[in-house]
């Protein structure tokens, strides 16, 4: 039984999306955005402890904002924009910082950035048909989860300690799973975009 003030969502039923802006999940997303420049400064300056703490807090808040939004019926259009924006900025800044320090190769950066270029193209097309964006799906969130766990592990894996020797291969495992899921999610977004365009064109043909 749901407690007073809570909203339960039946399985398979999409939660209602509101126009509210000042919600706890949105505040958490904004705080994640504030942490992006802090993280970038920390990793470029070699302050790994601060960089790791910022990434850890980002991962925790990423989990909490989605959980709270769904559990208490606080899914909003602002949140649907802020959450993936924060995810992408953290991934982009982490990729740049790790590549700059030669922890990951630049071709991996190009592989992940090219997926973002693809998605930007899809969003540009669907906006022409009145669609402001595409809903975040599980595969995309799973990819982000893997990548956001991969990066701190790769950072922790720089060293000669036993812990570093364990963290490095585990970090790369998360990185490869995340990269694969990231591109799979990209393909799913392309399919969603194609469906939006097809439906819009079909509606135009039947319109008087």
Protein backbone atom coordinates (compact mmCIF):
# COMPACT_ATOMS: atom_id res chain seq x y z
CA UNK A 1 0.00 0.00 0.00
CA UNK A 2 1.37 3.41 -0.91
CA UNK A 3 2.01 5.86 1.88
CA UNK A 4 0.26 9.21 1.87
CA UNK A 5 1.69 11.53 -0.79
CA UNK A 6 3.25 8.72 -2.81
CA UNK A 7 2.23 7.72 -6.30
CA UNK A 8 2.53 4.13 -7.44
CA UNK A 9 3.13 3.35 -11.10
CA UNK A 10 1.77 0.11 -12.49
CA UNK A 11 4.28 -2.03 -14.40
CA UNK A 12 4.31 -1.23 -18.10
CA UNK A 13 2.51 2.09 -17.57
CA UNK A 14 4.53 5.22 -18.35
CA UNK A 15 4.52 7.76 -15.50
CA UNK A 16 2.76 11.06 -16.07
CA UNK A 17 5.05 13.88 -17.14
CA UNK A 18 4.45 17.28 -15.55
CA UNK A 19 5.61 20.83 -16.30
CA UNK A 20 6.95 21.31 -12.77
CA UNK A 21 10.46 22.70 -12.50
CA UNK A 22 11.24 22.98 -8.78
CA UNK A 23 11.28 19.34 -7.74
CA UNK A 24 13.82 17.36 -5.72
CA UNK A 25 14.92 15.24 -8.74
CA UNK A 26 15.50 18.42 -10.76
CA UNK A 27 17.49 19.97 -7.92
CA UNK A 28 19.69 16.86 -7.85
CA UNK A 29 20.19 17.11 -11.63
CA UNK A 30 21.19 20.78 -11.33
CA UNK A 31 23.68 19.91 -8.57
CA UNK A 32 25.16 17.28 -10.87
CA UNK A 33 25.59 19.95 -13.55
CA UNK A 34 27.32 22.22 -11.04
CA UNK A 35 29.77 19.41 -10.35
CA UNK A 36 30.87 19.11 -14.01
CA UNK A 37 33.37 22.03 -14.03
CA UNK A 38 34.62 20.98 -10.58
CA UNK A 39 35.30 17.49 -11.85
CA UNK A 40 37.01 18.74 -15.02
CA UNK A 41 39.30 21.04 -13.03
CA UNK A 42 40.12 18.27 -10.56
CA UNK A 43 41.03 15.63 -13.12
CA UNK A 44 43.10 18.00 -15.30
CA UNK A 45 44.93 19.35 -12.24
CA UNK A 46 45.64 15.84 -10.95
CA UNK A 47 43.44 16.13 -7.86
CA UNK A 48 42.21 12.57 -8.22
CA UNK A 49 40.56 12.37 -4.80
CA UNK A 50 38.31 15.34 -5.61
CA UNK A 51 37.62 13.98 -9.10
CA UNK A 52 36.65 10.57 -7.71
CA UNK A 53 34.46 12.10 -5.00
CA UNK A 54 32.67 14.26 -7.57
CA UNK A 55 32.09 11.28 -9.88
CA UNK A 56 30.84 9.16 -6.99
CA UNK A 57 28.37 11.82 -5.88
CA UNK A 58 27.25 12.23 -9.48
CA UNK A 59 26.55 8.50 -9.78
CA UNK A 60 24.61 8.42 -6.50
CA UNK A 61 22.53 11.49 -7.40
CA UNK A 62 21.89 10.08 -10.89
CA UNK A 63 20.37 6.99 -9.31
CA UNK A 64 18.41 8.93 -6.71
CA UNK A 65 16.84 11.53 -9.03
CA UNK A 66 15.39 8.86 -11.31
CA UNK A 67 14.27 6.69 -8.39
CA UNK A 68 12.59 9.59 -6.60
CA UNK A 69 10.97 10.91 -9.77
CA UNK A 70 9.37 7.57 -10.59
CA UNK A 71 8.48 6.60 -7.03
CA UNK A 72 6.75 9.85 -6.11
CA UNK A 73 5.31 10.85 -9.47
CA UNK A 74 7.79 13.71 -9.99
CA UNK A 75 8.73 12.96 -13.59
CA UNK A 76 8.90 16.31 -15.40
CA UNK A 77 9.82 17.67 -18.81
CA UNK A 78 12.59 19.73 -17.22
CA UNK A 79 13.98 16.58 -15.64
CA UNK A 80 13.85 14.74 -18.94
CA UNK A 81 16.15 17.43 -20.34
CA UNK A 82 18.42 17.97 -17.32
CA UNK A 83 19.14 14.33 -16.50
CA UNK A 84 20.52 13.22 -19.89
CA UNK A 85 22.32 16.56 -20.26
CA UNK A 86 24.16 15.97 -16.99
CA UNK A 87 24.97 12.40 -18.04
CA UNK A 88 26.43 13.50 -21.35
CA UNK A 89 28.45 16.34 -19.85
CA UNK A 90 30.00 14.03 -17.25
CA UNK A 91 30.82 11.44 -19.89
CA UNK A 92 32.30 14.08 -22.23
CA UNK A 93 34.41 15.77 -19.54
CA UNK A 94 35.58 12.43 -18.13
CA UNK A 95 36.57 11.18 -21.56
CA UNK A 96 38.50 14.36 -22.29
CA UNK A 97 40.23 14.35 -18.90
CA UNK A 98 41.22 10.66 -19.00
CA UNK A 99 42.43 10.90 -22.60
CA UNK A 100 44.38 14.07 -21.80
CA UNK A 101 46.20 12.14 -19.08
CA UNK A 102 46.73 9.12 -21.40
CA UNK A 103 44.58 6.83 -19.25
CA UNK A 104 42.31 5.96 -22.19
CA UNK A 105 43.04 6.18 -25.95
CA UNK A 106 41.71 9.05 -28.02
CA UNK A 107 40.04 6.62 -30.44
CA UNK A 108 37.71 5.53 -27.63
CA UNK A 109 36.81 9.19 -27.15
CA UNK A 110 36.05 9.45 -30.88
CA UNK A 111 33.91 6.29 -30.73
CA UNK A 112 31.73 7.60 -27.92
CA UNK A 113 31.57 11.17 -29.21
CA UNK A 114 30.49 9.95 -32.66
CA UNK A 115 27.46 8.33 -31.01
CA UNK A 116 26.53 11.71 -29.56
CA UNK A 117 26.89 13.28 -33.01
CA UNK A 118 24.53 10.62 -34.36
CA UNK A 119 21.99 11.32 -31.63
CA UNK A 120 22.23 15.07 -32.22
CA UNK A 121 21.39 14.44 -35.86
CA UNK A 122 18.37 12.32 -34.92
CA UNK A 123 17.09 14.98 -32.52
CA UNK A 124 17.51 17.66 -35.19
CA UNK A 125 15.33 15.64 -37.55
CA UNK A 126 12.57 14.81 -35.05
CA UNK A 127 12.35 18.45 -33.93
CA UNK A 128 11.26 19.34 -37.45
CA UNK A 129 8.20 17.18 -36.83
CA UNK A 130 7.27 18.81 -33.52
CA UNK A 131 9.05 16.34 -31.22
CA UNK A 132 11.18 18.15 -28.63
CA UNK A 133 13.14 15.04 -27.68
CA UNK A 134 13.13 11.27 -27.28
CA UNK A 135 12.35 9.45 -24.03
CA UNK A 136 15.30 8.04 -22.09
CA UNK A 137 15.19 4.23 -22.23
CA UNK A 138 16.70 1.53 -20.03
CA UNK A 139 19.55 0.68 -22.40
CA UNK A 140 20.74 4.28 -22.45
CA UNK A 141 20.66 4.49 -18.66
CA UNK A 142 22.45 1.14 -18.37
CA UNK A 143 25.16 2.40 -20.73
CA UNK A 144 25.59 5.55 -18.66
CA UNK A 145 25.72 3.47 -15.48
CA UNK A 146 28.51 1.31 -16.90
CA UNK A 147 30.54 4.26 -18.17
CA UNK A 148 30.19 6.29 -14.98
CA UNK A 149 31.47 3.31 -13.02
CA UNK A 150 34.21 2.54 -15.55
CA UNK A 151 35.86 5.95 -15.39
CA UNK A 152 36.60 6.14 -11.64
CA UNK A 153 37.83 2.53 -11.71
CA UNK A 154 40.18 3.34 -14.59
CA UNK A 155 41.41 6.32 -12.60
CA UNK A 156 41.89 4.17 -9.50
CA UNK A 157 43.72 1.61 -11.63
CA UNK A 158 46.65 3.95 -12.23
CA UNK A 159 49.27 2.60 -9.87
CA UNK A 160 51.18 -0.47 -8.77
CA UNK A 161 49.11 -1.50 -5.76
CA UNK A 162 47.09 -4.72 -5.66
CA UNK A 163 43.91 -2.66 -5.58
CA UNK A 164 44.97 -0.78 -8.73
CA UNK A 165 45.74 -4.05 -10.52
CA UNK A 166 42.21 -5.27 -9.77
CA UNK A 167 40.48 -1.95 -10.49
CA UNK A 168 42.03 -1.53 -13.95
CA UNK A 169 40.62 -4.67 -15.66
CA UNK A 170 37.27 -4.24 -13.93
CA UNK A 171 37.18 -0.64 -15.12
CA UNK A 172 37.90 -1.69 -18.69
CA UNK A 173 35.16 -4.34 -18.48
CA UNK A 174 32.67 -1.64 -17.49
CA UNK A 175 34.05 0.60 -20.25
CA UNK A 176 33.55 -1.98 -23.01
CA UNK A 177 30.09 -2.97 -21.80
CA UNK A 178 29.18 0.69 -21.51
CA UNK A 179 30.48 1.49 -25.00
CA UNK A 180 28.54 -1.40 -26.53
CA UNK A 181 25.34 -0.44 -24.73
CA UNK A 182 25.91 3.22 -25.60
CA UNK A 183 25.90 2.40 -29.30
CA UNK A 184 23.01 -0.03 -28.92
CA UNK A 185 21.07 2.76 -27.25
CA UNK A 186 22.04 5.04 -30.13
CA UNK A 187 20.59 2.57 -32.64
CA UNK A 188 17.40 2.41 -30.57
CA UNK A 189 17.17 6.21 -30.65
CA UNK A 190 17.53 6.10 -34.44
CA UNK A 191 14.63 3.64 -34.60
CA UNK A 192 12.54 5.86 -32.30
CA UNK A 193 13.33 8.85 -34.48
CA UNK A 194 12.35 6.95 -37.61
CA UNK A 195 9.04 5.99 -35.97
CA UNK A 196 8.35 9.64 -35.07
CA UNK A 197 9.04 10.76 -38.64
CA UNK A 198 6.97 7.93 -40.14
CA UNK A 199 3.98 8.69 -37.92
CA UNK A 200 4.20 12.41 -38.64
CA UNK A 201 4.35 11.82 -42.38
CA UNK A 202 1.45 9.39 -42.22
CA UNK A 203 -0.60 11.99 -40.33
CA UNK A 204 0.25 14.59 -42.98
CA UNK A 205 -0.95 12.30 -45.77
CA UNK A 206 -4.34 11.67 -44.17
CA UNK A 207 -4.86 15.27 -43.06
CA UNK A 208 -7.52 17.11 -45.12
